[in-house]
């Protein structure tokens, strides 16, 4: 009986051990499979993140291009209106100059009437009032909006030529008047160069140069 019990115990231990070994192999195989699946999922997640970043950048670019297209159409319309106004003003100025004779040398005219109180003749003074320049649409310059255009006008900068000849340090000081954060956002470094091209009516060169800018800043 003892021998039989020993044999039965040995057989049971063998069967139990075999089942444990088989179960361990199955678990190890499942673990390897799960580990491979986790790596695949991690790669997929990483690719999805890169795709999401790329799509976000493309969406931002599309929004900027759309805004630039709308702004360009608005600026072209404003430019056409300003050119028409400029033409009308030049016609009026030509008529005014044609109807007025101005001597080459202007001398004060002395009145024939004597001031009884002073006992001397009173000279008649003449004043020449210089007309302000016809303002250009400074918003054509990338980086300049309506608010900055008003700020530049308040400093006596109305035309592309005036902006082109403005010192960059002076422009920075005008921006800094609104605070350091305003200056950090609005960099006037490229404005004189853009204004020079606009003053020369080199519109194709201006658009090509603006294509290399982002928010009015040169992109390396």
N, C-alpha and C. Protein backbone atom coordinates (compact mmCIF):
# COMPACT_ATOMS: atom_id res chain seq x y z
N UNK A 1 0.82 -1.21 0.00
CA UNK A 1 0.00 0.00 0.00
C UNK A 1 0.86 1.26 0.00
N UNK A 2 1.93 1.22 0.75
CA UNK A 2 2.80 2.39 0.80
C UNK A 2 3.42 2.66 -0.55
N UNK A 3 3.78 1.59 -1.24
CA UNK A 3 4.39 1.75 -2.56
C UNK A 3 3.41 2.36 -3.54
N UNK A 4 2.16 1.87 -3.46
CA UNK A 4 1.12 2.41 -4.34
C UNK A 4 0.88 3.89 -4.05
N UNK A 5 0.82 4.21 -2.75
CA UNK A 5 0.61 5.62 -2.37
C UNK A 5 1.76 6.48 -2.85
N UNK A 6 2.99 5.95 -2.75
CA UNK A 6 4.15 6.72 -3.20
C UNK A 6 4.10 6.98 -4.69
N UNK A 7 3.73 5.86 -5.41
CA UNK A 7 3.65 6.00 -6.88
C UNK A 7 2.58 7.00 -7.26
N UNK A 8 1.40 6.92 -6.60
CA UNK A 8 0.32 7.86 -6.91
C UNK A 8 0.74 9.30 -6.58
N UNK A 9 1.42 9.49 -5.48
CA UNK A 9 1.88 10.84 -5.12
C UNK A 9 2.87 11.38 -6.13
N UNK A 10 3.77 10.47 -6.59
CA UNK A 10 4.76 10.89 -7.59
C UNK A 10 4.09 11.31 -8.88
N UNK A 11 3.08 10.48 -9.28
CA UNK A 11 2.36 10.78 -10.53
C UNK A 11 1.62 12.11 -10.42
N UNK A 12 0.99 12.35 -9.26
CA UNK A 12 0.25 13.61 -9.06
C UNK A 12 1.19 14.82 -9.12
N UNK A 13 2.37 14.67 -8.45
CA UNK A 13 3.32 15.76 -8.47
C UNK A 13 3.81 16.04 -9.90
N UNK A 14 4.00 14.95 -10.65
CA UNK A 14 4.47 15.10 -12.03
C UNK A 14 3.43 15.82 -12.89
N UNK A 15 2.16 15.37 -12.71
CA UNK A 15 1.09 16.00 -13.50
C UNK A 15 0.92 17.48 -13.13
N UNK A 16 0.97 17.73 -11.81
CA UNK A 16 0.81 19.12 -11.36
C UNK A 16 1.96 19.97 -11.85
N UNK A 17 3.20 19.43 -11.77
CA UNK A 17 4.37 20.16 -12.24
C UNK A 17 4.31 20.42 -13.73
N UNK A 18 3.83 19.41 -14.49
CA UNK A 18 3.72 19.58 -15.94
C UNK A 18 2.72 20.66 -16.28
N UNK A 19 1.58 20.65 -15.57
CA UNK A 19 0.57 21.67 -15.83
C UNK A 19 1.10 23.07 -15.48
N UNK A 20 1.84 23.14 -14.36
CA UNK A 20 2.41 24.44 -13.99
C UNK A 20 3.39 24.93 -15.05
N UNK A 21 4.26 24.02 -15.52
CA UNK A 21 5.25 24.41 -16.53
C UNK A 21 4.56 24.86 -17.82
N UNK A 22 3.52 24.09 -18.19
CA UNK A 22 2.80 24.46 -19.41
C UNK A 22 2.11 25.82 -19.25
N UNK A 23 1.53 26.03 -18.06
CA UNK A 23 0.86 27.31 -17.79
C UNK A 23 1.85 28.45 -17.78
N UNK A 24 3.04 28.22 -17.22
CA UNK A 24 4.06 29.26 -17.20
C UNK A 24 4.51 29.61 -18.61
N UNK A 25 4.65 28.60 -19.47
CA UNK A 25 5.04 28.86 -20.85
C UNK A 25 3.97 29.69 -21.57
N UNK A 26 2.70 29.31 -21.30
CA UNK A 26 1.61 30.08 -21.92
C UNK A 26 1.62 31.53 -21.44
N UNK A 27 1.85 31.72 -20.13
CA UNK A 27 1.88 33.08 -19.60
C UNK A 27 3.05 33.88 -20.18
N UNK A 28 4.20 33.22 -20.28
CA UNK A 28 5.36 33.90 -20.86
C UNK A 28 5.10 34.28 -22.32
N UNK A 29 4.46 33.37 -23.06
CA UNK A 29 4.12 33.67 -24.45
C UNK A 29 3.14 34.83 -24.53
N UNK A 30 2.14 34.83 -23.64
CA UNK A 30 1.18 35.94 -23.61
C UNK A 30 1.86 37.26 -23.26
N UNK A 31 2.80 37.19 -22.31
CA UNK A 31 3.52 38.41 -21.91
C UNK A 31 4.35 38.96 -23.07
N UNK A 32 5.02 38.04 -23.80
CA UNK A 32 5.80 38.51 -24.95
C UNK A 32 4.89 39.13 -26.01
N UNK A 33 3.75 38.50 -26.21
CA UNK A 33 2.80 39.03 -27.19
C UNK A 33 2.29 40.41 -26.76
N UNK A 34 1.95 40.54 -25.47
CA UNK A 34 1.47 41.82 -24.96
C UNK A 34 2.55 42.90 -25.02
N UNK A 35 3.78 42.50 -24.73
CA UNK A 35 4.88 43.48 -24.80
C UNK A 35 5.06 43.98 -26.23
N UNK A 36 4.98 43.06 -27.20
CA UNK A 36 5.07 43.49 -28.59
C UNK A 36 3.91 44.39 -28.98
N UNK A 37 2.72 44.06 -28.47
CA UNK A 37 1.54 44.89 -28.78
C UNK A 37 1.67 46.28 -28.16
N UNK A 38 2.24 46.34 -26.94
CA UNK A 38 2.43 47.64 -26.28
C UNK A 38 3.39 48.51 -27.09
N UNK A 39 4.47 47.89 -27.59
CA UNK A 39 5.42 48.66 -28.40
C UNK A 39 4.77 49.18 -29.68
N UNK A 40 3.95 48.33 -30.29
CA UNK A 40 3.25 48.78 -31.50
C UNK A 40 2.32 49.95 -31.19
N UNK A 41 1.60 49.85 -30.06
CA UNK A 41 0.70 50.93 -29.68
C UNK A 41 1.47 52.21 -29.36
N UNK A 42 2.61 52.07 -28.70
CA UNK A 42 3.42 53.26 -28.41
C UNK A 42 3.90 53.92 -29.69
N UNK A 43 4.34 53.11 -30.67
CA UNK A 43 4.74 53.68 -31.96
C UNK A 43 3.58 54.37 -32.65
N UNK A 44 2.39 53.73 -32.56
CA UNK A 44 1.21 54.33 -33.19
C UNK A 44 0.85 55.66 -32.54
N UNK A 45 0.93 55.69 -31.20
CA UNK A 45 0.62 56.92 -30.48
C UNK A 45 1.61 58.02 -30.85
N UNK A 46 2.90 57.66 -30.93
CA UNK A 46 3.92 58.64 -31.30
C UNK A 46 3.67 59.18 -32.70
N UNK A 47 3.32 58.30 -33.64
CA UNK A 47 3.03 58.75 -35.01
C UNK A 47 1.80 59.64 -35.04
N UNK A 48 0.78 59.29 -34.24
CA UNK A 48 -0.43 60.11 -34.19
C UNK A 48 -0.13 61.49 -33.63
N UNK A 49 0.75 61.55 -32.63
CA UNK A 49 1.12 62.84 -32.07
C UNK A 49 1.84 63.70 -33.11
N UNK A 50 2.78 63.07 -33.84
CA UNK A 50 3.48 63.83 -34.88
C UNK A 50 2.52 64.30 -35.97
N UNK A 51 1.56 63.42 -36.31
CA UNK A 51 0.57 63.81 -37.31
C UNK A 51 -0.29 64.96 -36.82
N UNK A 52 -0.66 64.91 -35.53
CA UNK A 52 -1.49 65.98 -34.96
C UNK A 52 -0.73 67.30 -34.96
N UNK A 53 0.57 67.26 -34.62
CA UNK A 53 1.38 68.48 -34.62
C UNK A 53 1.49 69.03 -36.04
N UNK A 54 1.73 68.13 -37.00
CA UNK A 54 1.86 68.57 -38.40
C UNK A 54 0.55 69.19 -38.91
N UNK A 55 -0.56 68.55 -38.58
CA UNK A 55 -1.86 69.07 -39.01
C UNK A 55 -2.16 70.42 -38.36
N UNK A 56 -1.76 70.56 -37.08
CA UNK A 56 -1.96 71.84 -36.40
C UNK A 56 -1.16 72.95 -37.07
N UNK A 57 0.10 72.64 -37.42
CA UNK A 57 0.93 73.63 -38.11
C UNK A 57 0.33 73.99 -39.47
N UNK A 58 -0.14 72.98 -40.21
CA UNK A 58 -0.75 73.24 -41.53
C UNK A 58 -2.01 74.09 -41.38
N UNK A 59 -2.78 73.79 -40.32
CA UNK A 59 -4.00 74.57 -40.08
C UNK A 59 -3.67 76.02 -39.76
N UNK A 60 -2.62 76.23 -38.93
CA UNK A 60 -2.21 77.60 -38.62
C UNK A 60 -1.75 78.34 -39.87
N UNK A 61 -0.98 77.62 -40.73
CA UNK A 61 -0.52 78.25 -41.97
C UNK A 61 -1.70 78.63 -42.86
N UNK A 62 -2.70 77.71 -42.93
CA UNK A 62 -3.88 78.00 -43.76
C UNK A 62 -4.62 79.22 -43.23
N UNK A 63 -4.73 79.31 -41.89
CA UNK A 63 -5.42 80.46 -41.30
C UNK A 63 -4.67 81.75 -41.60
N UNK A 64 -3.33 81.70 -41.49
CA UNK A 64 -2.54 82.90 -41.78
C UNK A 64 -2.67 83.30 -43.24
N UNK A 65 -2.63 82.30 -44.15
CA UNK A 65 -2.76 82.60 -45.57
C UNK A 65 -4.13 83.18 -45.89
N UNK A 66 -5.16 82.60 -45.22
CA UNK A 66 -6.51 83.11 -45.46
C UNK A 66 -6.64 84.54 -44.98
N UNK A 67 -6.09 84.80 -43.78
CA UNK A 67 -6.15 86.16 -43.24
C UNK A 67 -5.35 87.12 -44.11
N UNK A 68 -4.19 86.65 -44.61
CA UNK A 68 -3.37 87.51 -45.46
C UNK A 68 -4.08 87.81 -46.77
N UNK A 69 -4.80 86.81 -47.33
CA UNK A 69 -5.53 87.04 -48.58
C UNK A 69 -6.63 88.06 -48.40
N UNK A 70 -7.38 87.93 -47.30
CA UNK A 70 -8.45 88.89 -47.03
C UNK A 70 -7.86 90.28 -46.80
N UNK A 71 -6.77 90.35 -46.04
CA UNK A 71 -6.14 91.64 -45.78
C UNK A 71 -5.60 92.26 -47.06
N UNK A 72 -5.03 91.41 -47.95
CA UNK A 72 -4.50 91.92 -49.20
C UNK A 72 -5.61 92.48 -50.08
N UNK A 73 -6.75 91.79 -50.13
CA UNK A 73 -7.87 92.30 -50.92
C UNK A 73 -8.36 93.64 -50.38
N UNK A 74 -8.43 93.72 -49.04
CA UNK A 74 -8.86 94.98 -48.43
C UNK A 74 -7.86 96.10 -48.70
N UNK A 75 -6.57 95.76 -48.62
CA UNK A 75 -5.54 96.77 -48.86
C UNK A 75 -5.54 97.23 -50.33
N UNK A 76 -5.75 96.29 -51.24
CA UNK A 76 -5.82 96.67 -52.66
C UNK A 76 -6.98 97.61 -52.92
N UNK A 77 -8.12 97.32 -52.27
CA UNK A 77 -9.28 98.20 -52.42
C UNK A 77 -8.98 99.58 -51.85
N UNK A 78 -8.35 99.62 -50.67
CA UNK A 78 -8.00 100.90 -50.06
C UNK A 78 -7.00 101.65 -50.92
N UNK A 79 -6.05 100.91 -51.51
CA UNK A 79 -5.04 101.54 -52.36
C UNK A 79 -5.69 102.17 -53.59
N UNK A 80 -6.66 101.47 -54.18
CA UNK A 80 -7.35 102.02 -55.35
C UNK A 80 -8.09 103.31 -54.98
N UNK A 81 -8.74 103.31 -53.79
CA UNK A 81 -9.44 104.52 -53.35
C UNK A 81 -8.46 105.67 -53.13
N UNK A 82 -7.32 105.37 -52.51
CA UNK A 82 -6.34 106.41 -52.25
C UNK A 82 -5.72 106.95 -53.54
N UNK A 83 -5.50 106.08 -54.50
CA UNK A 83 -4.98 106.56 -55.78
C UNK A 83 -5.97 107.50 -56.47
N UNK A 84 -7.26 107.14 -56.37
CA UNK A 84 -8.28 108.01 -56.96
C UNK A 84 -8.31 109.37 -56.26
N UNK A 85 -8.25 109.34 -54.92
CA UNK A 85 -8.23 110.59 -54.16
C UNK A 85 -6.98 111.40 -54.48
N UNK A 86 -5.84 110.72 -54.62
CA UNK A 86 -4.59 111.40 -54.94
C UNK A 86 -4.69 112.08 -56.31
N UNK A 87 -5.29 111.37 -57.27
CA UNK A 87 -5.45 111.95 -58.61
C UNK A 87 -6.34 113.19 -58.56
N UNK A 88 -7.42 113.12 -57.79
CA UNK A 88 -8.30 114.28 -57.68
C UNK A 88 -7.59 115.46 -57.02
N UNK A 89 -6.82 115.17 -55.97
CA UNK A 89 -6.10 116.24 -55.28
C UNK A 89 -5.04 116.86 -56.19
N UNK A 90 -4.37 116.04 -56.98
CA UNK A 90 -3.37 116.58 -57.90
C UNK A 90 -4.02 117.46 -58.96
N UNK A 91 -5.21 117.06 -59.42
CA UNK A 91 -5.93 117.89 -60.40
C UNK A 91 -6.32 119.23 -59.80
N UNK A 92 -6.83 119.19 -58.57
CA UNK A 92 -7.20 120.43 -57.89
C UNK A 92 -5.99 121.31 -57.65
N UNK A 93 -4.87 120.68 -57.29
CA UNK A 93 -3.65 121.45 -57.05
C UNK A 93 -3.16 122.10 -58.34
N UNK A 94 -3.21 121.37 -59.45
CA UNK A 94 -2.79 121.93 -60.74
C UNK A 94 -3.66 123.12 -61.13
N UNK A 95 -4.99 123.00 -60.91
CA UNK A 95 -5.88 124.11 -61.23
C UNK A 95 -5.58 125.32 -60.35
N UNK A 96 -5.29 125.04 -59.08
CA UNK A 96 -5.00 126.13 -58.14
C UNK A 96 -3.71 126.85 -58.53
N UNK A 97 -2.68 126.08 -58.89
CA UNK A 97 -1.41 126.69 -59.29
C UNK A 97 -1.54 127.45 -60.60
N UNK A 98 -2.38 126.94 -61.50
CA UNK A 98 -2.55 127.61 -62.78
C UNK A 98 -3.28 128.94 -62.65
N UNK A 99 -4.16 129.03 -61.63
CA UNK A 99 -4.94 130.26 -61.46
C UNK A 99 -4.25 131.28 -60.57
N UNK A 100 -3.07 130.93 -60.05
CA UNK A 100 -2.38 131.83 -59.13
C UNK A 100 -0.99 132.14 -59.65
N UNK A 101 -0.67 133.41 -59.80
CA UNK A 101 0.66 133.83 -60.23
C UNK A 101 1.50 134.15 -59.00
N UNK A 102 2.61 133.47 -58.89
CA UNK A 102 3.49 133.72 -57.76
C UNK A 102 4.79 134.30 -58.28
N UNK A 103 5.25 135.43 -57.77
CA UNK A 103 6.53 136.00 -58.19
C UNK A 103 7.68 135.11 -57.78
N UNK A 104 8.74 135.14 -58.59
CA UNK A 104 9.91 134.32 -58.26
C UNK A 104 10.53 134.76 -56.95
N UNK A 105 10.54 136.05 -56.70
CA UNK A 105 11.09 136.57 -55.45
C UNK A 105 10.00 137.32 -54.73
N UNK A 106 9.64 136.83 -53.58
CA UNK A 106 8.54 137.44 -52.83
C UNK A 106 9.11 138.43 -51.83
N UNK A 107 8.66 139.69 -51.96
CA UNK A 107 9.11 140.73 -51.04
C UNK A 107 7.89 141.34 -50.38
N UNK A 108 8.01 141.74 -49.15
CA UNK A 108 6.86 142.36 -48.48
C UNK A 108 6.48 143.65 -49.17
N UNK A 109 5.19 143.81 -49.42
CA UNK A 109 4.68 145.03 -50.04
C UNK A 109 4.38 146.07 -48.96
N UNK A 110 4.77 147.31 -49.24
CA UNK A 110 4.58 148.40 -48.28
C UNK A 110 3.32 149.16 -48.66
N UNK A 111 2.45 149.29 -47.73
CA UNK A 111 1.19 150.00 -47.99
C UNK A 111 1.45 151.49 -48.15
N UNK A 112 0.67 152.10 -49.06
CA UNK A 112 0.79 153.54 -49.27
C UNK A 112 0.17 154.33 -48.13
N UNK A 113 -0.70 153.64 -47.35
CA UNK A 113 -1.37 154.34 -46.26
C UNK A 113 -0.47 154.40 -45.05
N UNK A 114 -0.42 155.56 -44.41
CA UNK A 114 0.41 155.77 -43.24
C UNK A 114 -0.43 155.59 -41.99
N UNK A 115 0.09 154.81 -41.07
CA UNK A 115 -0.60 154.64 -39.80
C UNK A 115 -0.46 155.93 -39.01
N UNK A 116 -1.57 156.55 -38.71
CA UNK A 116 -1.48 157.84 -38.02
C UNK A 116 -0.88 157.74 -36.64
N UNK A 117 -0.98 156.57 -36.01
CA UNK A 117 -0.45 156.44 -34.66
C UNK A 117 1.05 156.21 -34.68
N UNK A 118 1.53 155.41 -35.65
CA UNK A 118 2.94 155.07 -35.68
C UNK A 118 3.74 156.04 -36.54
N UNK A 119 3.08 156.65 -37.50
CA UNK A 119 3.78 157.59 -38.35
C UNK A 119 4.65 156.92 -39.39
N UNK A 120 4.47 155.60 -39.59
CA UNK A 120 5.25 154.87 -40.59
C UNK A 120 4.31 154.01 -41.38
N UNK A 121 4.81 153.61 -42.55
CA UNK A 121 3.98 152.74 -43.39
C UNK A 121 3.99 151.34 -42.82
N UNK A 122 2.82 150.65 -42.88
CA UNK A 122 2.70 149.29 -42.37
C UNK A 122 2.91 148.31 -43.50
N UNK A 123 3.90 147.43 -43.41
CA UNK A 123 4.10 146.42 -44.46
C UNK A 123 3.01 145.37 -44.40
N UNK A 124 2.57 144.93 -45.57
CA UNK A 124 1.57 143.86 -45.62
C UNK A 124 2.30 142.53 -45.65
N UNK A 125 2.05 141.70 -44.64
CA UNK A 125 2.73 140.41 -44.53
C UNK A 125 1.99 139.37 -45.36
N UNK A 126 2.75 138.45 -45.91
CA UNK A 126 2.15 137.35 -46.68
C UNK A 126 2.60 136.04 -46.05
N UNK A 127 1.69 135.07 -45.95
CA UNK A 127 1.98 133.77 -45.34
C UNK A 127 1.69 132.68 -46.36
N UNK A 128 2.60 131.75 -46.44
CA UNK A 128 2.42 130.60 -47.32
C UNK A 128 2.20 129.37 -46.46
N UNK A 129 1.04 128.74 -46.56
CA UNK A 129 0.70 127.56 -45.76
C UNK A 129 0.98 126.32 -46.60
N UNK A 130 1.87 125.48 -46.13
CA UNK A 130 2.22 124.26 -46.86
C UNK A 130 1.17 123.19 -46.61
N UNK A 131 0.65 122.65 -47.66
CA UNK A 131 -0.38 121.61 -47.53
C UNK A 131 0.24 120.33 -46.97
N UNK A 132 -0.47 119.62 -46.10
CA UNK A 132 0.07 118.36 -45.56
C UNK A 132 0.16 117.33 -46.68
N UNK A 133 1.10 116.37 -46.57
CA UNK A 133 1.23 115.35 -47.62
C UNK A 133 0.01 114.44 -47.66
N UNK A 134 -0.27 113.94 -48.87
CA UNK A 134 -1.37 112.98 -49.00
C UNK A 134 -0.92 111.68 -48.33
N UNK A 135 -1.63 111.21 -47.32
CA UNK A 135 -1.16 110.03 -46.58
C UNK A 135 -1.25 108.77 -47.43
N UNK A 136 -0.26 107.91 -47.26
CA UNK A 136 -0.29 106.59 -47.89
C UNK A 136 -0.95 105.60 -46.94
N UNK A 137 -1.36 104.48 -47.50
CA UNK A 137 -1.95 103.41 -46.68
C UNK A 137 -0.81 102.58 -46.08
N UNK A 138 -0.37 102.99 -44.91
CA UNK A 138 0.79 102.33 -44.29
C UNK A 138 0.49 100.89 -43.88
N UNK A 139 -0.80 100.52 -43.87
CA UNK A 139 -1.15 99.14 -43.50
C UNK A 139 -0.71 98.14 -44.55
N UNK A 140 -0.28 98.63 -45.73
CA UNK A 140 0.27 97.72 -46.74
C UNK A 140 1.55 97.08 -46.22
N UNK A 141 2.26 97.79 -45.37
CA UNK A 141 3.49 97.25 -44.77
C UNK A 141 3.10 96.16 -43.77
N UNK A 142 3.65 94.97 -43.97
CA UNK A 142 3.30 93.86 -43.07
C UNK A 142 3.82 94.15 -41.67
N UNK A 143 2.93 93.97 -40.70
CA UNK A 143 3.26 94.26 -39.31
C UNK A 143 2.60 95.54 -38.81
N UNK A 144 2.03 96.33 -39.75
CA UNK A 144 1.37 97.58 -39.38
C UNK A 144 -0.13 97.42 -39.54
N UNK A 145 -0.85 97.66 -38.45
CA UNK A 145 -2.30 97.63 -38.47
C UNK A 145 -2.87 99.03 -38.27
N UNK A 146 -4.19 99.14 -38.14
CA UNK A 146 -4.80 100.46 -37.98
C UNK A 146 -4.27 101.23 -36.77
N UNK A 147 -4.07 100.55 -35.64
CA UNK A 147 -3.60 101.23 -34.44
C UNK A 147 -2.19 101.78 -34.64
N UNK A 148 -1.30 100.95 -35.19
CA UNK A 148 0.08 101.40 -35.40
C UNK A 148 0.12 102.51 -36.44
N UNK A 149 -0.74 102.43 -37.45
CA UNK A 149 -0.79 103.50 -38.45
C UNK A 149 -1.16 104.83 -37.79
N UNK A 150 -2.12 104.80 -36.87
CA UNK A 150 -2.49 106.03 -36.16
C UNK A 150 -1.35 106.53 -35.29
N UNK A 151 -0.62 105.61 -34.67
CA UNK A 151 0.53 106.01 -33.85
C UNK A 151 1.60 106.68 -34.70
N UNK A 152 1.86 106.12 -35.89
CA UNK A 152 2.86 106.72 -36.77
C UNK A 152 2.39 108.08 -37.28
N UNK A 153 1.10 108.21 -37.62
CA UNK A 153 0.56 109.49 -38.07
C UNK A 153 0.73 110.55 -36.99
N UNK A 154 0.49 110.14 -35.73
CA UNK A 154 0.61 111.11 -34.63
C UNK A 154 2.04 111.60 -34.45
N UNK A 155 3.01 110.83 -34.98
CA UNK A 155 4.42 111.23 -34.92
C UNK A 155 4.87 111.90 -36.21
N UNK A 156 3.91 112.22 -37.10
CA UNK A 156 4.26 112.92 -38.34
C UNK A 156 4.67 112.02 -39.48
N UNK A 157 4.44 110.71 -39.37
CA UNK A 157 4.79 109.77 -40.43
C UNK A 157 3.51 109.38 -41.15
N UNK A 158 3.33 109.92 -42.36
CA UNK A 158 2.11 109.70 -43.13
C UNK A 158 2.36 108.92 -44.42
N UNK A 159 3.54 109.01 -44.97
CA UNK A 159 3.80 108.44 -46.30
C UNK A 159 4.84 107.33 -46.23
N UNK A 160 4.89 106.54 -47.34
CA UNK A 160 5.90 105.49 -47.43
C UNK A 160 7.30 106.08 -47.40
N UNK A 161 7.47 107.23 -48.06
CA UNK A 161 8.80 107.86 -48.09
C UNK A 161 9.25 108.28 -46.69
N UNK A 162 8.31 108.83 -45.91
CA UNK A 162 8.65 109.24 -44.55
C UNK A 162 9.01 108.02 -43.69
N UNK A 163 8.24 106.94 -43.86
CA UNK A 163 8.53 105.74 -43.10
C UNK A 163 9.85 105.12 -43.53
N UNK A 164 10.14 105.15 -44.83
CA UNK A 164 11.39 104.57 -45.33
C UNK A 164 12.61 105.31 -44.80
N UNK A 165 12.47 106.61 -44.58
CA UNK A 165 13.60 107.41 -44.09
C UNK A 165 13.65 107.49 -42.56
N UNK A 166 12.70 106.84 -41.90
CA UNK A 166 12.67 106.89 -40.43
C UNK A 166 13.72 105.97 -39.83
N UNK A 167 14.35 106.44 -38.79
CA UNK A 167 15.35 105.64 -38.09
C UNK A 167 14.66 104.52 -37.32
N UNK A 168 15.25 103.33 -37.36
CA UNK A 168 14.64 102.19 -36.69
C UNK A 168 14.51 102.42 -35.18
N UNK A 169 15.50 103.10 -34.61
CA UNK A 169 15.45 103.37 -33.17
C UNK A 169 14.28 104.28 -32.83
N UNK A 170 13.99 105.24 -33.72
CA UNK A 170 12.84 106.11 -33.50
C UNK A 170 11.54 105.31 -33.56
N UNK A 171 11.45 104.38 -34.52
CA UNK A 171 10.26 103.56 -34.63
C UNK A 171 10.08 102.68 -33.38
N UNK A 172 11.21 102.14 -32.87
CA UNK A 172 11.13 101.33 -31.65
C UNK A 172 10.64 102.17 -30.47
N UNK A 173 11.10 103.40 -30.39
CA UNK A 173 10.67 104.28 -29.31
C UNK A 173 9.17 104.57 -29.40
N UNK A 174 8.67 104.72 -30.64
CA UNK A 174 7.23 104.95 -30.82
C UNK A 174 6.44 103.73 -30.33
N UNK A 175 6.93 102.52 -30.68
CA UNK A 175 6.26 101.30 -30.22
C UNK A 175 6.38 101.14 -28.71
N UNK A 176 7.56 101.49 -28.17
CA UNK A 176 7.79 101.32 -26.73
C UNK A 176 6.91 102.23 -25.91
N UNK A 177 6.38 103.28 -26.51
CA UNK A 177 5.49 104.19 -25.78
C UNK A 177 4.23 103.47 -25.32
N UNK A 178 3.87 102.38 -26.02
CA UNK A 178 2.71 101.58 -25.63
C UNK A 178 3.06 100.50 -24.61
N UNK A 179 4.34 100.39 -24.28
CA UNK A 179 4.76 99.41 -23.29
C UNK A 179 5.72 98.40 -23.88
N UNK A 180 6.54 97.76 -23.04
CA UNK A 180 7.54 96.80 -23.53
C UNK A 180 6.92 95.59 -24.21
N UNK A 181 5.74 95.14 -23.74
CA UNK A 181 5.10 93.99 -24.37
C UNK A 181 4.67 94.33 -25.79
N UNK A 182 4.21 95.54 -26.00
CA UNK A 182 3.79 95.96 -27.34
C UNK A 182 4.98 95.97 -28.28
N UNK A 183 6.14 96.46 -27.80
CA UNK A 183 7.35 96.48 -28.61
C UNK A 183 7.83 95.07 -28.90
N UNK A 184 7.68 94.16 -27.92
CA UNK A 184 8.13 92.79 -28.13
C UNK A 184 7.32 92.09 -29.22
N UNK A 185 6.06 92.45 -29.35
CA UNK A 185 5.20 91.83 -30.37
C UNK A 185 5.38 92.49 -31.73
N UNK A 186 5.53 93.83 -31.75
CA UNK A 186 5.59 94.59 -33.00
C UNK A 186 7.02 95.08 -33.22
N UNK A 187 7.75 94.35 -34.07
CA UNK A 187 9.15 94.69 -34.38
C UNK A 187 9.19 95.51 -35.67
N UNK A 188 9.65 96.78 -35.61
CA UNK A 188 9.63 97.64 -36.80
C UNK A 188 10.88 97.52 -37.68
N UNK A 189 11.71 96.51 -37.47
CA UNK A 189 12.99 96.45 -38.17
C UNK A 189 12.83 96.46 -39.69
N UNK A 190 11.84 95.72 -40.21
CA UNK A 190 11.69 95.60 -41.67
C UNK A 190 10.80 96.68 -42.27
N UNK A 191 10.18 97.52 -41.46
CA UNK A 191 9.21 98.49 -42.00
C UNK A 191 9.85 99.49 -42.96
N UNK A 192 11.03 100.08 -42.66
CA UNK A 192 11.60 101.03 -43.62
C UNK A 192 11.89 100.40 -44.99
N UNK A 193 12.38 99.16 -44.99
CA UNK A 193 12.68 98.51 -46.26
C UNK A 193 11.40 98.26 -47.05
N UNK A 194 10.35 97.78 -46.37
CA UNK A 194 9.07 97.58 -47.05
C UNK A 194 8.53 98.91 -47.59
N UNK A 195 8.63 99.96 -46.77
CA UNK A 195 8.12 101.27 -47.17
C UNK A 195 8.89 101.81 -48.36
N UNK A 196 10.20 101.56 -48.42
CA UNK A 196 11.00 102.03 -49.56
C UNK A 196 10.52 101.38 -50.86
N UNK A 197 10.25 100.06 -50.81
CA UNK A 197 9.75 99.37 -52.00
C UNK A 197 8.37 99.91 -52.39
N UNK A 198 7.52 100.20 -51.38
CA UNK A 198 6.20 100.74 -51.68
C UNK A 198 6.30 102.15 -52.26
N UNK A 199 7.22 102.96 -51.72
CA UNK A 199 7.39 104.33 -52.23
C UNK A 199 7.87 104.31 -53.68
N UNK A 200 8.67 103.29 -54.03
CA UNK A 200 9.15 103.16 -55.40
C UNK A 200 8.15 102.45 -56.30
N UNK A 201 6.98 102.05 -55.69
CA UNK A 201 5.93 101.32 -56.40
C UNK A 201 6.46 100.02 -56.99
N UNK A 202 7.42 99.41 -56.28
CA UNK A 202 7.93 98.09 -56.67
C UNK A 202 7.09 97.03 -55.97
N UNK A 203 5.84 96.91 -56.44
CA UNK A 203 4.88 96.06 -55.72
C UNK A 203 5.25 94.59 -55.79
N UNK A 204 5.77 94.13 -56.93
CA UNK A 204 6.15 92.72 -57.03
C UNK A 204 7.31 92.40 -56.08
N UNK A 205 8.30 93.29 -56.04
CA UNK A 205 9.42 93.08 -55.10
C UNK A 205 8.94 93.13 -53.66
N UNK A 206 7.97 94.02 -53.39
CA UNK A 206 7.44 94.12 -52.03
C UNK A 206 6.73 92.84 -51.63
N UNK A 207 5.89 92.30 -52.53
CA UNK A 207 5.17 91.07 -52.22
C UNK A 207 6.14 89.90 -52.05
N UNK A 208 7.19 89.87 -52.88
CA UNK A 208 8.19 88.81 -52.74
C UNK A 208 8.91 88.91 -51.40
N UNK A 209 9.23 90.13 -50.99
CA UNK A 209 9.91 90.32 -49.70
C UNK A 209 8.97 89.97 -48.54
N UNK A 210 7.70 90.38 -48.66
CA UNK A 210 6.74 90.05 -47.60
C UNK A 210 6.51 88.55 -47.49
N UNK A 211 6.72 87.83 -48.61
CA UNK A 211 6.58 86.38 -48.56
C UNK A 211 7.63 85.71 -47.69
N UNK A 212 8.74 86.42 -47.45
CA UNK A 212 9.79 85.89 -46.58
C UNK A 212 9.65 86.35 -45.14
N UNK A 213 8.56 87.07 -44.87
CA UNK A 213 8.34 87.59 -43.52
C UNK A 213 7.22 86.83 -42.82
N UNK A 214 7.23 86.91 -41.53
CA UNK A 214 6.14 86.36 -40.71
C UNK A 214 5.84 87.34 -39.60
N UNK A 215 4.68 87.96 -39.68
CA UNK A 215 4.34 88.99 -38.70
C UNK A 215 5.23 90.19 -38.80
N UNK A 216 5.76 90.47 -40.02
CA UNK A 216 6.64 91.61 -40.21
C UNK A 216 8.09 91.35 -39.84
N UNK A 217 8.41 90.13 -39.44
CA UNK A 217 9.78 89.80 -39.06
C UNK A 217 10.39 88.89 -40.11
N UNK A 218 11.70 89.04 -40.34
CA UNK A 218 12.39 88.16 -41.26
C UNK A 218 12.56 86.79 -40.64
N UNK A 219 12.22 85.76 -41.42
CA UNK A 219 12.31 84.37 -40.95
C UNK A 219 13.57 83.76 -41.52
N UNK A 220 14.46 83.29 -40.63
CA UNK A 220 15.71 82.70 -41.09
C UNK A 220 15.46 81.29 -41.63
